[in-house]
Amino acid sequence: DMLCKMMNGEVLREYPARLRHKDGSVVHVMINSSIYRDEQGRVVHTRCFTRNVTAAKLAEAEEKEHTARMHAERLAQLNARLQREAEINQALLHQVMPEKV
């Protein structure tokens, strides 16, 4: 995909990619690259800058996980509160209208 874009004349700006090291680990990178051609359209050379964004990706994933945990905890708190309120309402209803409960 990246090479096709470049061969079609596109300049890559902040193109996300993953690179695999020899040890098997994956590095997240952003690529900025372009191709320079001569008058006949032949590729003369390319220019490519690759920036490692693995730490930022990991931090982003941790933040999403933390946010999801916080939402789940808040939802559990709200559910517990609703349950308590339903029990209180049931008890009050039983006191006011014992024959209906």
PDB file of N, CA and C in Angstrom:
ATOM      1  N   ASP A   1       0.831  -1.196   0.000  1.00  0.00           N
ATOM      2  CA  ASP A   1       0.000   0.000   0.000  1.00  0.00           C
ATOM      3  C   ASP A   1       0.871   1.255   0.000  1.00  0.00           C
ATOM      4  N   MET A   2       1.854   1.290   0.883  1.00  0.00           N
ATOM      5  CA  MET A   2       2.730   2.451   0.994  1.00  0.00           C
ATOM      6  C   MET A   2       3.524   2.650  -0.295  1.00  0.00           C
ATOM      7  N   LEU A   3       4.102   1.571  -0.825  1.00  0.00           N
ATOM      8  CA  LEU A   3       4.883   1.687  -2.059  1.00  0.00           C
ATOM      9  C   LEU A   3       4.010   2.072  -3.240  1.00  0.00           C
ATOM     10  N   CYS A   4       2.796   1.528  -3.304  1.00  0.00           N
ATOM     11  CA  CYS A   4       1.879   1.890  -4.394  1.00  0.00           C
ATOM     12  C   CYS A   4       1.573   3.379  -4.357  1.00  0.00           C
ATOM     13  N   LYS A   5       1.312   3.904  -3.179  1.00  0.00           N
ATOM     14  CA  LYS A   5       1.031   5.333  -3.043  1.00  0.00           C
ATOM     15  C   LYS A   5       2.208   6.171  -3.519  1.00  0.00           C
ATOM     16  N   MET A   6       3.397   5.768  -3.101  1.00  0.00           N
ATOM     17  CA  MET A   6       4.585   6.534  -3.490  1.00  0.00           C
ATOM     18  C   MET A   6       4.827   6.443  -4.994  1.00  0.00           C
ATOM     19  N   MET A   7       4.664   5.249  -5.579  1.00  0.00           N
ATOM     20  CA  MET A   7       4.874   5.098  -7.022  1.00  0.00           C
ATOM     21  C   MET A   7       3.844   5.883  -7.825  1.00  0.00           C
ATOM     22  N   ASN A   8       2.680   6.149  -7.216  1.00  0.00           N
ATOM     23  CA  ASN A   8       1.656   6.963  -7.866  1.00  0.00           C
ATOM     24  C   ASN A   8       1.856   8.454  -7.622  1.00  0.00           C
ATOM     25  N   GLY A   9       2.985   8.802  -7.033  1.00  0.00           N
ATOM     26  CA  GLY A   9       3.321  10.212  -6.867  1.00  0.00           C
ATOM     27  C   GLY A   9       2.886  10.832  -5.551  1.00  0.00           C
ATOM     28  N   GLU A  10       2.292  10.043  -4.675  1.00  0.00           N
ATOM     29  CA  GLU A  10       1.866  10.593  -3.391  1.00  0.00           C
ATOM     30  C   GLU A  10       3.068  10.761  -2.456  1.00  0.00           C
ATOM     31  N   VAL A  11       3.012  11.812  -1.688  1.00  0.00           N
ATOM     32  CA  VAL A  11       4.007  12.033  -0.638  1.00  0.00           C
ATOM     33  C   VAL A  11       3.380  11.518   0.651  1.00  0.00           C
ATOM     34  N   LEU A  12       4.102  10.690   1.359  1.00  0.00           N
ATOM     35  CA  LEU A  12       3.581  10.162   2.618  1.00  0.00           C
ATOM     36  C   LEU A  12       3.898  11.129   3.743  1.00  0.00           C
ATOM     37  N   ARG A  13       2.869  11.471   4.488  1.00  0.00           N
ATOM     38  CA  ARG A  13       3.030  12.344   5.651  1.00  0.00           C
ATOM     39  C   ARG A  13       2.359  11.671   6.838  1.00  0.00           C
ATOM     40  N   GLU A  14       3.154  11.419   7.868  1.00  0.00           N
ATOM     41  CA  GLU A  14       2.647  10.788   9.090  1.00  0.00           C
ATOM     42  C   GLU A  14       1.876   9.509   8.770  1.00  0.00           C
ATOM     43  N   TYR A  15       2.459   8.688   7.934  1.00  0.00           N
ATOM     44  CA  TYR A  15       1.865   7.416   7.536  1.00  0.00           C
ATOM     45  C   TYR A  15       2.152   6.383   8.627  1.00  0.00           C
ATOM     46  N   PRO A  16       1.104   5.846   9.273  1.00  0.00           N
ATOM     47  CA  PRO A  16       1.339   4.888  10.357  1.00  0.00           C
ATOM     48  C   PRO A  16       1.738   3.524   9.806  1.00  0.00           C
ATOM     49  N   ALA A  17       2.694   2.905  10.480  1.00  0.00           N
ATOM     50  CA  ALA A  17       3.131   1.566  10.072  1.00  0.00           C
ATOM     51  C   ALA A  17       3.684   0.846  11.295  1.00  0.00           C
ATOM     52  N   ARG A  18       3.802  -0.461  11.146  1.00  0.00           N
ATOM     53  CA  ARG A  18       4.424  -1.286  12.179  1.00  0.00           C
ATOM     54  C   ARG A  18       5.592  -2.020  11.547  1.00  0.00           C
ATOM     55  N   LEU A  19       6.696  -2.010  12.247  1.00  0.00           N
ATOM     56  CA  LEU A  19       7.884  -2.705  11.781  1.00  0.00           C
ATOM     57  C   LEU A  19       8.204  -3.819  12.768  1.00  0.00           C
ATOM     58  N   ARG A  20       8.628  -4.963  12.249  1.00  0.00           N
ATOM     59  CA  ARG A  20       8.990  -6.081  13.108  1.00  0.00           C
ATOM     60  C   ARG A  20      10.510  -6.213  13.154  1.00  0.00           C
ATOM     61  N   HIS A  21      11.055  -6.213  14.362  1.00  0.00           N
ATOM     62  CA  HIS A  21      12.487  -6.403  14.560  1.00  0.00           C
ATOM     63  C   HIS A  21      12.851  -7.871  14.374  1.00  0.00           C
ATOM     64  N   LYS A  22      14.149  -8.131  14.229  1.00  0.00           N
ATOM     65  CA  LYS A  22      14.628  -9.509  14.120  1.00  0.00           C
ATOM     66  C   LYS A  22      14.244 -10.341  15.333  1.00  0.00           C
ATOM     67  N   ASP A  23      14.154  -9.682  16.505  1.00  0.00           N
ATOM     68  CA  ASP A  23      13.807 -10.414  17.726  1.00  0.00           C
ATOM     69  C   ASP A  23      12.307 -10.683  17.836  1.00  0.00           C
ATOM     70  N   GLY A  24      11.550 -10.217  16.848  1.00  0.00           N
ATOM     71  CA  GLY A  24      10.110 -10.469  16.823  1.00  0.00           C
ATOM     72  C   GLY A  24       9.260  -9.355  17.409  1.00  0.00           C
ATOM     73  N   SER A  25       9.884  -8.402  18.087  1.00  0.00           N
ATOM     74  CA  SER A  25       9.110  -7.308  18.675  1.00  0.00           C
ATOM     75  C   SER A  25       8.611  -6.368  17.571  1.00  0.00           C
ATOM     76  N   VAL A  26       7.504  -5.694  17.862  1.00  0.00           N
ATOM     77  CA  VAL A  26       6.887  -4.781  16.904  1.00  0.00           C
ATOM     78  C   VAL A  26       7.096  -3.346  17.375  1.00  0.00           C
ATOM     79  N   VAL A  27       7.469  -2.487  16.438  1.00  0.00           N
ATOM     80  CA  VAL A  27       7.666  -1.066  16.705  1.00  0.00           C
ATOM     81  C   VAL A  27       6.662  -0.294  15.860  1.00  0.00           C
ATOM     82  N   HIS A  28       5.939   0.606  16.508  1.00  0.00           N
ATOM     83  CA  HIS A  28       5.009   1.476  15.792  1.00  0.00           C
ATOM     84  C   HIS A  28       5.772   2.719  15.333  1.00  0.00           C
ATOM     85  N   VAL A  29       5.596   3.073  14.067  1.00  0.00           N
ATOM     86  CA  VAL A  29       6.318   4.216  13.505  1.00  0.00           C
ATOM     87  C   VAL A  29       5.370   5.094  12.690  1.00  0.00           C
ATOM     88  N   MET A  30       5.819   6.309  12.464  1.00  0.00           N
ATOM     89  CA  MET A  30       5.173   7.232  11.525  1.00  0.00           C
ATOM     90  C   MET A  30       6.214   7.512  10.447  1.00  0.00           C
ATOM     91  N   ILE A  31       5.779   7.421   9.203  1.00  0.00           N
ATOM     92  CA  ILE A  31       6.708   7.564   8.084  1.00  0.00           C
ATOM     93  C   ILE A  31       6.352   8.802   7.272  1.00  0.00           C
ATOM     94  N   ASN A  32       7.379   9.564   6.950  1.00  0.00           N
ATOM     95  CA  ASN A  32       7.284  10.660   5.994  1.00  0.00           C
ATOM     96  C   ASN A  32       8.242  10.300   4.870  1.00  0.00           C
ATOM     97  N   SER A  33       7.731  10.218   3.633  1.00  0.00           N
ATOM     98  CA  SER A  33       8.582   9.770   2.540  1.00  0.00           C
ATOM     99  C   SER A  33       8.110  10.346   1.212  1.00  0.00           C
ATOM    100  N   SER A  34       9.054  10.471   0.297  1.00  0.00           N
ATOM    101  CA  SER A  34       8.724  10.943  -1.054  1.00  0.00           C
ATOM    102  C   SER A  34       9.729  10.348  -2.038  1.00  0.00           C
ATOM    103  N   ILE A  35       9.325  10.339  -3.304  1.00  0.00           N
ATOM    104  CA  ILE A  35      10.169   9.826  -4.386  1.00  0.00           C
ATOM    105  C   ILE A  35      10.530  10.993  -5.303  1.00  0.00           C
ATOM    106  N   TYR A  36      11.778  11.048  -5.704  1.00  0.00           N
ATOM    107  CA  TYR A  36      12.214  12.056  -6.673  1.00  0.00           C
ATOM    108  C   TYR A  36      12.488  11.362  -7.992  1.00  0.00           C
ATOM    109  N   ARG A  37      11.939  11.932  -9.065  1.00  0.00           N
ATOM    110  CA  ARG A  37      12.074  11.338 -10.401  1.00  0.00           C
ATOM    111  C   ARG A  37      12.831  12.291 -11.327  1.00  0.00           C
ATOM    112  N   ASP A  38      13.418  11.722 -12.389  1.00  0.00           N
ATOM    113  CA  ASP A  38      14.079  12.561 -13.397  1.00  0.00           C
ATOM    114  C   ASP A  38      13.054  13.010 -14.433  1.00  0.00           C
ATOM    115  N   GLU A  39      13.513  13.671 -15.465  1.00  0.00           N
ATOM    116  CA  GLU A  39      12.615  14.211 -16.495  1.00  0.00           C
ATOM    117  C   GLU A  39      11.822  13.123 -17.219  1.00  0.00           C
ATOM    118  N   GLN A  40      12.351  11.917 -17.276  1.00  0.00           N
ATOM    119  CA  GLN A  40      11.660  10.805 -17.948  1.00  0.00           C
ATOM    120  C   GLN A  40      10.726  10.056 -16.989  1.00  0.00           C
ATOM    121  N   GLY A  41      10.654  10.494 -15.756  1.00  0.00           N
ATOM    122  CA  GLY A  41       9.766   9.853 -14.785  1.00  0.00           C
ATOM    123  C   GLY A  41      10.383   8.681 -14.049  1.00  0.00           C
ATOM    124  N   ARG A  42      11.670   8.432 -14.282  1.00  0.00           N
ATOM    125  CA  ARG A  42      12.338   7.337 -13.579  1.00  0.00           C
ATOM    126  C   ARG A  42      12.682   7.760 -12.151  1.00  0.00           C
ATOM    127  N   VAL A  43      12.617   6.798 -11.261  1.00  0.00           N
ATOM    128  CA  VAL A  43      12.938   7.069  -9.862  1.00  0.00           C
ATOM    129  C   VAL A  43      14.436   7.336  -9.741  1.00  0.00           C
ATOM    130  N   VAL A  44      14.776   8.494  -9.204  1.00  0.00           N
ATOM    131  CA  VAL A  44      16.170   8.861  -8.986  1.00  0.00           C
ATOM    132  C   VAL A  44      16.579   8.475  -7.566  1.00  0.00           C
ATOM    133  N   HIS A  45      15.771   8.868  -6.599  1.00  0.00           N
ATOM    134  CA  HIS A  45      16.019   8.484  -5.222  1.00  0.00           C
ATOM    135  C   HIS A  45      14.770   8.729  -4.383  1.00  0.00           C
ATOM    136  N   THR A  46      14.821   8.203  -3.203  1.00  0.00           N
ATOM    137  CA  THR A  46      13.714   8.423  -2.265  1.00  0.00           C
ATOM    138  C   THR A  46      14.275   9.071  -1.009  1.00  0.00           C
ATOM    139  N   ARG A  47      13.370   9.684  -0.295  1.00  0.00           N
ATOM    140  CA  ARG A  47      13.720  10.279   0.990  1.00  0.00           C
ATOM    141  C   ARG A  47      12.700   9.757   1.995  1.00  0.00           C
ATOM    142  N   CYS A  48      13.197   9.249   3.096  1.00  0.00           N
ATOM    143  CA  CYS A  48      12.283   8.645   4.070  1.00  0.00           C
ATOM    144  C   CYS A  48      12.750   8.963   5.488  1.00  0.00           C
ATOM    145  N   PHE A  49      11.818   9.432   6.292  1.00  0.00           N
ATOM    146  CA  PHE A  49      12.059   9.682   7.709  1.00  0.00           C
ATOM    147  C   PHE A  49      11.070   8.829   8.495  1.00  0.00           C
ATOM    148  N   THR A  50      11.594   8.060   9.408  1.00  0.00           N
ATOM    149  CA  THR A  50      10.760   7.177  10.216  1.00  0.00           C
ATOM    150  C   THR A  50      10.908   7.561  11.680  1.00  0.00           C
ATOM    151  N   ARG A  51       9.775   7.778  12.334  1.00  0.00           N
ATOM    152  CA  ARG A  51       9.783   8.193  13.742  1.00  0.00           C
ATOM    153  C   ARG A  51       9.110   7.114  14.585  1.00  0.00           C
ATOM    154  N   ASN A  52       9.802   6.658  15.600  1.00  0.00           N
ATOM    155  CA  ASN A  52       9.275   5.638  16.497  1.00  0.00           C
ATOM    156  C   ASN A  52       8.227   6.265  17.422  1.00  0.00           C
ATOM    157  N   VAL A  53       6.995   5.747  17.355  1.00  0.00           N
ATOM    158  CA  VAL A  53       5.907   6.252  18.194  1.00  0.00           C
ATOM    159  C   VAL A  53       5.353   5.155  19.105  1.00  0.00           C
ATOM    160  N   THR A  54       6.160   4.123  19.337  1.00  0.00           N
ATOM    161  CA  THR A  54       5.712   2.994  20.156  1.00  0.00           C
ATOM    162  C   THR A  54       5.307   3.440  21.553  1.00  0.00           C
ATOM    163  N   ALA A  55       6.110   4.263  22.185  1.00  0.00           N
ATOM    164  CA  ALA A  55       5.792   4.716  23.545  1.00  0.00           C
ATOM    165  C   ALA A  55       4.468   5.466  23.572  1.00  0.00           C
ATOM    166  N   ALA A  56       4.243   6.316  22.576  1.00  0.00           N
ATOM    167  CA  ALA A  56       2.984   7.058  22.513  1.00  0.00           C
ATOM    168  C   ALA A  56       1.806   6.115  22.296  1.00  0.00           C
ATOM    169  N   LYS A  57       1.982   5.103  21.439  1.00  0.00           N
ATOM    170  CA  LYS A  57       0.922   4.115  21.192  1.00  0.00           C
ATOM    171  C   LYS A  57       0.595   3.346  22.470  1.00  0.00           C
ATOM    172  N   LEU A  58       1.640   2.932  23.204  1.00  0.00           N
ATOM    173  CA  LEU A  58       1.420   2.212  24.451  1.00  0.00           C
ATOM    174  C   LEU A  58       0.711   3.093  25.477  1.00  0.00           C
ATOM    175  N   ALA A  59       1.116   4.350  25.568  1.00  0.00           N
ATOM    176  CA  ALA A  59       0.472   5.278  26.503  1.00  0.00           C
ATOM    177  C   ALA A  59      -0.988   5.490  26.124  1.00  0.00           C
ATOM    178  N   GLU A  60      -1.260   5.596  24.837  1.00  0.00           N
ATOM    179  CA  GLU A  60      -2.636   5.760  24.357  1.00  0.00           C
ATOM    180  C   GLU A  60      -3.481   4.538  24.716  1.00  0.00           C
ATOM    181  N   ALA A  61      -2.931   3.362  24.537  1.00  0.00           N
ATOM    182  CA  ALA A  61      -3.650   2.131  24.866  1.00  0.00           C
ATOM    183  C   ALA A  61      -3.910   2.048  26.372  1.00  0.00           C
ATOM    184  N   GLU A  62      -2.920   2.425  27.175  1.00  0.00           N
ATOM    185  CA  GLU A  62      -3.094   2.420  28.626  1.00  0.00           C
ATOM    186  C   GLU A  62      -4.163   3.416  29.048  1.00  0.00           C
ATOM    187  N   GLU A  63      -4.178   4.578  28.418  1.00  0.00           N
ATOM    188  CA  GLU A  63      -5.192   5.593  28.741  1.00  0.00           C
ATOM    189  C   GLU A  63      -6.592   5.095  28.390  1.00  0.00           C
ATOM    190  N   LYS A  64      -6.727   4.445  27.240  1.00  0.00           N
ATOM    191  CA  LYS A  64      -8.031   3.890  26.852  1.00  0.00           C
ATOM    192  C   LYS A  64      -8.482   2.824  27.840  1.00  0.00           C
ATOM    193  N   GLU A  65      -7.535   1.969  28.253  1.00  0.00           N
ATOM    194  CA  GLU A  65      -7.859   0.916  29.214  1.00  0.00           C
ATOM    195  C   GLU A  65      -8.274   1.523  30.550  1.00  0.00           C
ATOM    196  N   HIS A  66      -7.544   2.545  30.993  1.00  0.00           N
ATOM    197  CA  HIS A  66      -7.874   3.217  32.251  1.00  0.00           C
ATOM    198  C   HIS A  66      -9.260   3.848  32.170  1.00  0.00           C
ATOM    199  N   THR A  67      -9.549   4.525  31.067  1.00  0.00           N
ATOM    200  CA  THR A  67     -10.855   5.163  30.887  1.00  0.00           C
ATOM    201  C   THR A  67     -11.968   4.124  30.886  1.00  0.00           C
ATOM    202  N   ALA A  68     -11.757   3.002  30.213  1.00  0.00           N
ATOM    203  CA  ALA A  68     -12.761   1.940  30.183  1.00  0.00           C
ATOM    204  C   ALA A  68     -12.996   1.386  31.590  1.00  0.00           C
ATOM    205  N   ARG A  69     -11.902   1.202  32.351  1.00  0.00           N
ATOM    206  CA  ARG A  69     -12.032   0.717  33.727  1.00  0.00           C
ATOM    207  C   ARG A  69     -12.821   1.705  34.584  1.00  0.00           C
ATOM    208  N   MET A  70     -12.513   2.993  34.422  1.00  0.00           N
ATOM    209  CA  MET A  70     -13.215   4.023  35.193  1.00  0.00           C
ATOM    210  C   MET A  70     -14.702   4.047  34.852  1.00  0.00           C
ATOM    211  N   HIS A  71     -15.031   3.925  33.565  1.00  0.00           N
ATOM    212  CA  HIS A  71     -16.439   3.898  33.156  1.00  0.00           C
ATOM    213  C   HIS A  71     -17.137   2.668  33.715  1.00  0.00           C
ATOM    214  N   ALA A  72     -16.458   1.525  33.692  1.00  0.00           N
ATOM    215  CA  ALA A  72     -17.048   0.288  34.224  1.00  0.00           C
ATOM    216  C   ALA A  72     -17.295   0.417  35.725  1.00  0.00           C
ATOM    217  N   GLU A  73     -16.340   0.991  36.448  1.00  0.00           N
ATOM    218  CA  GLU A  73     -16.508   1.190  37.890  1.00  0.00           C
ATOM    219  C   GLU A  73     -17.668   2.136  38.176  1.00  0.00           C
ATOM    220  N   ARG A  74     -17.748   3.209  37.411  1.00  0.00           N
ATOM    221  CA  ARG A  74     -18.838   4.181  37.609  1.00  0.00           C
ATOM    222  C   ARG A  74     -20.186   3.541  37.291  1.00  0.00           C
ATOM    223  N   LEU A  75     -20.245   2.740  36.253  1.00  0.00           N
ATOM    224  CA  LEU A  75     -21.474   2.044  35.895  1.00  0.00           C
ATOM    225  C   LEU A  75     -21.877   1.075  37.004  1.00  0.00           C
ATOM    226  N   ALA A  76     -20.916   0.367  37.574  1.00  0.00           N
ATOM    227  CA  ALA A  76     -21.208  -0.552  38.674  1.00  0.00           C
ATOM    228  C   ALA A  76     -21.748   0.214  39.884  1.00  0.00           C
ATOM    229  N   GLN A  77     -21.167   1.381  40.168  1.00  0.00           N
ATOM    230  CA  GLN A  77     -21.646   2.208  41.276  1.00  0.00           C
ATOM    231  C   GLN A  77     -23.081   2.665  41.032  1.00  0.00           C
ATOM    232  N   LEU A  78     -23.350   3.110  39.815  1.00  0.00           N
ATOM    233  CA  LEU A  78     -24.705   3.572  39.492  1.00  0.00           C
ATOM    234  C   LEU A  78     -25.712   2.431  39.560  1.00  0.00           C
ATOM    235  N   ASN A  79     -25.316   1.254  39.083  1.00  0.00           N
ATOM    236  CA  ASN A  79     -26.209   0.097  39.156  1.00  0.00           C
ATOM    237  C   ASN A  79     -26.510  -0.272  40.601  1.00  0.00           C
ATOM    238  N   ALA A  80     -25.490  -0.232  41.462  1.00  0.00           N
ATOM    239  CA  ALA A  80     -25.689  -0.533  42.878  1.00  0.00           C
ATOM    240  C   ALA A  80     -26.619   0.491  43.512  1.00  0.00           C
ATOM    241  N   ARG A  81     -26.452   1.732  43.158  1.00  0.00           N
ATOM    242  CA  ARG A  81     -27.323   2.790  43.693  1.00  0.00           C
ATOM    243  C   ARG A  81     -28.756   2.587  43.232  1.00  0.00           C
ATOM    244  N   LEU A  82     -28.938   2.280  41.954  1.00  0.00           N
ATOM    245  CA  LEU A  82     -30.289   2.026  41.447  1.00  0.00           C
ATOM    246  C   LEU A  82     -30.922   0.831  42.143  1.00  0.00           C
ATOM    247  N   GLN A  83     -30.137  -0.197  42.401  1.00  0.00           N
ATOM    248  CA  GLN A  83     -30.653  -1.382  43.103  1.00  0.00           C
ATOM    249  C   GLN A  83     -31.111  -1.016  44.511  1.00  0.00           C
ATOM    250  N   ARG A  84     -30.283  -0.229  45.222  1.00  0.00           N
ATOM    251  CA  ARG A  84     -30.663   0.200  46.574  1.00  0.00           C
ATOM    252  C   ARG A  84     -31.926   1.035  46.544  1.00  0.00           C
ATOM    253  N   GLU A  85     -32.007   1.954  45.564  1.00  0.00           N
ATOM    254  CA  GLU A  85     -33.196   2.803  45.457  1.00  0.00           C
ATOM    255  C   GLU A  85     -34.439   1.979  45.129  1.00  0.00           C
ATOM    256  N   ALA A  86     -34.283   0.972  44.289  1.00  0.00           N
ATOM    257  CA  ALA A  86     -35.420   0.100  43.963  1.00  0.00           C
ATOM    258  C   ALA A  86     -35.878  -0.658  45.206  1.00  0.00           C
ATOM    259  N   GLU A  87     -34.930  -1.128  46.021  1.00  0.00           N
ATOM    260  CA  GLU A  87     -35.284  -1.832  47.255  1.00  0.00           C
ATOM    261  C   GLU A  87     -35.996  -0.903  48.230  1.00  0.00           C
ATOM    262  N   ILE A  88     -35.505   0.335  48.337  1.00  0.00           N
ATOM    263  CA  ILE A  88     -36.152   1.315  49.212  1.00  0.00           C
ATOM    264  C   ILE A  88     -37.559   1.614  48.709  1.00  0.00           C
ATOM    265  N   ASN A  89     -37.701   1.819  47.413  1.00  0.00           N
ATOM    266  CA  ASN A  89     -39.020   2.098  46.840  1.00  0.00           C
ATOM    267  C   ASN A  89     -39.975   0.938  47.087  1.00  0.00           C
ATOM    268  N   GLN A  90     -39.481  -0.276  46.955  1.00  0.00           N
ATOM    269  CA  GLN A  90     -40.314  -1.461  47.193  1.00  0.00           C
ATOM    270  C   GLN A  90     -40.764  -1.504  48.650  1.00  0.00           C
ATOM    271  N   ALA A  91     -39.848  -1.205  49.582  1.00  0.00           N
ATOM    272  CA  ALA A  91     -40.186  -1.204  51.003  1.00  0.00           C
ATOM    273  C   ALA A  91     -41.207  -0.119  51.318  1.00  0.00           C
ATOM    274  N   LEU A  92     -41.026   1.071  50.746  1.00  0.00           N
ATOM    275  CA  LEU A  92     -41.982   2.166  50.966  1.00  0.00           C
ATOM    276  C   LEU A  92     -43.346   1.823  50.394  1.00  0.00           C
ATOM    277  N   LEU A  93     -43.359   1.250  49.218  1.00  0.00           N
ATOM    278  CA  LEU A  93     -44.608   0.865  48.588  1.00  0.00           C
ATOM    279  C   LEU A  93     -45.330  -0.173  49.447  1.00  0.00           C
ATOM    280  N   HIS A  94     -44.575  -1.089  50.032  1.00  0.00           N
ATOM    281  CA  HIS A  94     -45.159  -2.118  50.893  1.00  0.00           C
ATOM    282  C   HIS A  94     -45.774  -1.487  52.150  1.00  0.00           C
ATOM    283  N   GLN A  95     -45.133  -0.425  52.669  1.00  0.00           N
ATOM    284  CA  GLN A  95     -45.669   0.260  53.852  1.00  0.00           C
ATOM    285  C   GLN A  95     -46.925   1.041  53.508  1.00  0.00           C
ATOM    286  N   VAL A  96     -46.949   1.682  52.336  1.00  0.00           N
ATOM    287  CA  VAL A  96     -48.075   2.533  51.951  1.00  0.00           C
ATOM    288  C   VAL A  96     -49.238   1.684  51.436  1.00  0.00           C
ATOM    289  N   MET A  97     -48.943   0.689  50.630  1.00  0.00           N
ATOM    290  CA  MET A  97     -49.978  -0.122  49.999  1.00  0.00           C
ATOM    291  C   MET A  97     -49.634  -1.601  50.169  1.00  0.00           C
ATOM    292  N   PRO A  98     -49.765  -2.153  51.376  1.00  0.00           N
ATOM    293  CA  PRO A  98     -49.333  -3.535  51.593  1.00  0.00           C
ATOM    294  C   PRO A  98     -50.089  -4.550  50.748  1.00  0.00           C
ATOM    295  N   GLU A  99     -51.332  -4.268  50.402  1.00  0.00           N
ATOM    296  CA  GLU A  99     -52.097  -5.223  49.612  1.00  0.00           C
ATOM    297  C   GLU A  99     -51.681  -5.286  48.157  1.00  0.00           C
ATOM    298  N   LYS A 100     -50.971  -4.292  47.639  1.00  0.00           N
ATOM    299  CA  LYS A 100     -50.554  -4.256  46.248  1.00  0.00           C
ATOM    300  C   LYS A 100     -49.216  -4.966  46.023  1.00  0.00           C
ATOM    301  N   VAL A 101     -48.475  -5.197  47.079  1.00  0.00           N
ATOM    302  CA  VAL A 101     -47.130  -5.744  46.929  1.00  0.00           C
ATOM    303  C   VAL A 101     -47.121  -7.248  47.049  1.00  0.00           C
TER     304      VAL A 101
END
